[in-house]
Amino acid sequence: MDQIRREAASGAQPRPAANGASYVVLQVVLKEKFWGTGSGNLTELETAINAQAALGYRLHTISTSASGSKGLGGGDRIQATMVFERIT
C-alpha cells in the first residue's frame, strides 16, 4: 500500500516523455475536505497541469475515479489520470 501511495504522489511530478514518445501520463490524488464536501486541493491538479504545460505539453485527456471515505479525517479520494501530448 505504501508503494502505491508513493507512486501516486510521484505521478504528479512534471516530466518529459521518453525518447521517441509523444505522450506522458500523470496521476494526481485529490482528498476531499475534512468538513463539508468538495475537494480541498484542486490547486494541486491545476499546478500539475500548468507544470506539464511549461514543459511543452498540452492536456490531451483526463479521467477521474472516486473511492469511498477512509474513516474519520480520511475524506474521499479522487484520482485524476491525465494524458499530455507533446506540442512540438
C-alpha atoms as a PDB file:
ATOM      1  CA  MET A   1       0.000   0.000   0.000  1.00  0.00           C
ATOM      2  CA  ASP A   2       2.857   2.420   0.789  1.00  0.00           C
ATOM      3  CA  GLN A   3       4.359   1.797  -2.651  1.00  0.00           C
ATOM      4  CA  ILE A   4       1.039   2.684  -4.296  1.00  0.00           C
ATOM      5  CA  ARG A   5       0.894   5.928  -2.309  1.00  0.00           C
ATOM      6  CA  ARG A   6       4.476   6.833  -3.259  1.00  0.00           C
ATOM      7  CA  GLU A   7       3.798   6.146  -6.933  1.00  0.00           C
ATOM      8  CA  ALA A   8       0.591   8.205  -6.849  1.00  0.00           C
ATOM      9  CA  ALA A   9       2.375  11.122  -5.191  1.00  0.00           C
ATOM     10  CA  SER A  10       5.295  10.988  -7.617  1.00  0.00           C
ATOM     11  CA  GLY A  11       2.937  10.668 -10.575  1.00  0.00           C
ATOM     12  CA  ALA A  12       2.055  14.344 -10.319  1.00  0.00           C
ATOM     13  CA  GLN A  13       5.652  15.414 -10.950  1.00  0.00           C
ATOM     14  CA  PRO A  14       6.125  17.060 -14.367  1.00  0.00           C
ATOM     15  CA  ARG A  15       8.422  15.149 -16.694  1.00  0.00           C
ATOM     16  CA  PRO A  16       9.300  14.858 -20.370  1.00  0.00           C
ATOM     17  CA  ALA A  17       8.202  11.880 -22.437  1.00  0.00           C
ATOM     18  CA  ALA A  18      10.595   9.020 -23.035  1.00  0.00           C
ATOM     19  CA  ASN A  19      12.797   9.279 -26.136  1.00  0.00           C
ATOM     20  CA  GLY A  20      10.671   8.864 -29.250  1.00  0.00           C
ATOM     21  CA  ALA A  21       7.391   9.134 -27.330  1.00  0.00           C
ATOM     22  CA  SER A  22       4.863  11.939 -27.693  1.00  0.00           C
ATOM     23  CA  TYR A  23       2.720  11.345 -24.602  1.00  0.00           C
ATOM     24  CA  VAL A  24       3.153  11.462 -20.815  1.00  0.00           C
ATOM     25  CA  VAL A  25       0.662  10.017 -18.303  1.00  0.00           C
ATOM     26  CA  LEU A  26       0.412  11.586 -14.834  1.00  0.00           C
ATOM     27  CA  GLN A  27      -1.866  10.901 -11.873  1.00  0.00           C
ATOM     28  CA  VAL A  28      -2.946  13.218  -9.070  1.00  0.00           C
ATOM     29  CA  VAL A  29      -4.833  12.020  -5.996  1.00  0.00           C
ATOM     30  CA  LEU A  30      -7.160  14.639  -4.511  1.00  0.00           C
ATOM     31  CA  LYS A  31      -8.533  14.356  -0.986  1.00  0.00           C
ATOM     32  CA  GLU A  32     -11.956  15.682  -0.035  1.00  0.00           C
ATOM     33  CA  LYS A  33     -12.113  18.387   2.624  1.00  0.00           C
ATOM     34  CA  PHE A  34     -12.386  17.168   6.218  1.00  0.00           C
ATOM     35  CA  TRP A  35     -15.577  19.185   6.778  1.00  0.00           C
ATOM     36  CA  GLY A  36     -18.166  19.700   4.073  1.00  0.00           C
ATOM     37  CA  THR A  37     -17.961  18.454   0.526  1.00  0.00           C
ATOM     38  CA  GLY A  38     -15.754  19.038  -2.482  1.00  0.00           C
ATOM     39  CA  SER A  39     -12.040  18.764  -2.978  1.00  0.00           C
ATOM     40  CA  GLY A  40      -9.836  20.724  -0.646  1.00  0.00           C
ATOM     41  CA  ASN A  41      -6.869  20.706  -3.012  1.00  0.00           C
ATOM     42  CA  LEU A  42      -7.870  21.306  -6.624  1.00  0.00           C
ATOM     43  CA  THR A  43      -4.903  23.657  -6.848  1.00  0.00           C
ATOM     44  CA  GLU A  44      -2.690  20.531  -6.842  1.00  0.00           C
ATOM     45  CA  LEU A  45      -4.387  19.404 -10.048  1.00  0.00           C
ATOM     46  CA  GLU A  46      -4.022  22.873 -11.563  1.00  0.00           C
ATOM     47  CA  THR A  47      -0.355  23.012 -10.574  1.00  0.00           C
ATOM     48  CA  ALA A  48       0.357  19.624 -12.182  1.00  0.00           C
ATOM     49  CA  ILE A  49      -1.332  20.668 -15.444  1.00  0.00           C
ATOM     50  CA  ASN A  50       0.475  24.024 -15.595  1.00  0.00           C
ATOM     51  CA  ALA A  51       3.860  22.476 -14.779  1.00  0.00           C
ATOM     52  CA  GLN A  52       3.491  19.941 -17.599  1.00  0.00           C
ATOM     53  CA  ALA A  53       2.346  22.711 -19.976  1.00  0.00           C
ATOM     54  CA  ALA A  54       5.511  24.646 -19.133  1.00  0.00           C
ATOM     55  CA  LEU A  55       7.477  21.647 -20.459  1.00  0.00           C
ATOM     56  CA  GLY A  56       5.733  21.939 -23.845  1.00  0.00           C
ATOM     57  CA  TYR A  57       2.770  19.571 -23.396  1.00  0.00           C
ATOM     58  CA  ARG A  58      -0.970  20.090 -23.629  1.00  0.00           C
ATOM     59  CA  LEU A  59      -3.622  18.156 -21.761  1.00  0.00           C
ATOM     60  CA  HIS A  60      -4.989  15.564 -24.168  1.00  0.00           C
ATOM     61  CA  THR A  61      -7.294  13.503 -21.922  1.00  0.00           C
ATOM     62  CA  ILE A  62      -8.324  13.458 -18.273  1.00  0.00           C
ATOM     63  CA  SER A  63     -10.369  10.865 -16.428  1.00  0.00           C
ATOM     64  CA  THR A  64     -11.288  10.594 -12.781  1.00  0.00           C
ATOM     65  CA  SER A  65     -12.309   7.870 -10.380  1.00  0.00           C
ATOM     66  CA  ALA A  66     -13.539   8.181  -6.826  1.00  0.00           C
ATOM     67  CA  SER A  67     -13.104   5.970  -3.788  1.00  0.00           C
ATOM     68  CA  GLY A  68     -15.023   5.891  -0.549  1.00  0.00           C
ATOM     69  CA  SER A  69     -14.171   7.541   2.737  1.00  0.00           C
ATOM     70  CA  LYS A  70     -11.179   6.284   4.664  1.00  0.00           C
ATOM     71  CA  GLY A  71     -12.800   6.981   8.033  1.00  0.00           C
ATOM     72  CA  LEU A  72     -12.507   9.840  10.473  1.00  0.00           C
ATOM     73  CA  GLY A  73     -10.314  12.530   8.958  1.00  0.00           C
ATOM     74  CA  GLY A  74      -9.708  10.417   5.867  1.00  0.00           C
ATOM     75  CA  GLY A  75     -12.113  12.020   3.433  1.00  0.00           C
ATOM     76  CA  ASP A  76     -12.981  10.701  -0.004  1.00  0.00           C
ATOM     77  CA  ARG A  77     -10.298  10.396  -2.661  1.00  0.00           C
ATOM     78  CA  ILE A  78     -10.489  11.361  -6.321  1.00  0.00           C
ATOM     79  CA  GLN A  79      -7.793  10.082  -8.646  1.00  0.00           C
ATOM     80  CA  ALA A  80      -7.242  12.114 -11.801  1.00  0.00           C
ATOM     81  CA  THR A  81      -5.342  10.376 -14.611  1.00  0.00           C
ATOM     82  CA  MET A  82      -4.110  12.789 -17.271  1.00  0.00           C
ATOM     83  CA  VAL A  83      -2.569  12.180 -20.672  1.00  0.00           C
ATOM     84  CA  PHE A  84      -0.398  15.007 -22.001  1.00  0.00           C
ATOM     85  CA  GLU A  85       0.648  15.351 -25.641  1.00  0.00           C
ATOM     86  CA  ARG A  86       3.918  16.953 -26.725  1.00  0.00           C
ATOM     87  CA  ILE A  87       3.191  20.168 -28.681  1.00  0.00           C
ATOM     88  CA  THR A  88       6.369  20.266 -30.804  1.00  0.00           C
END
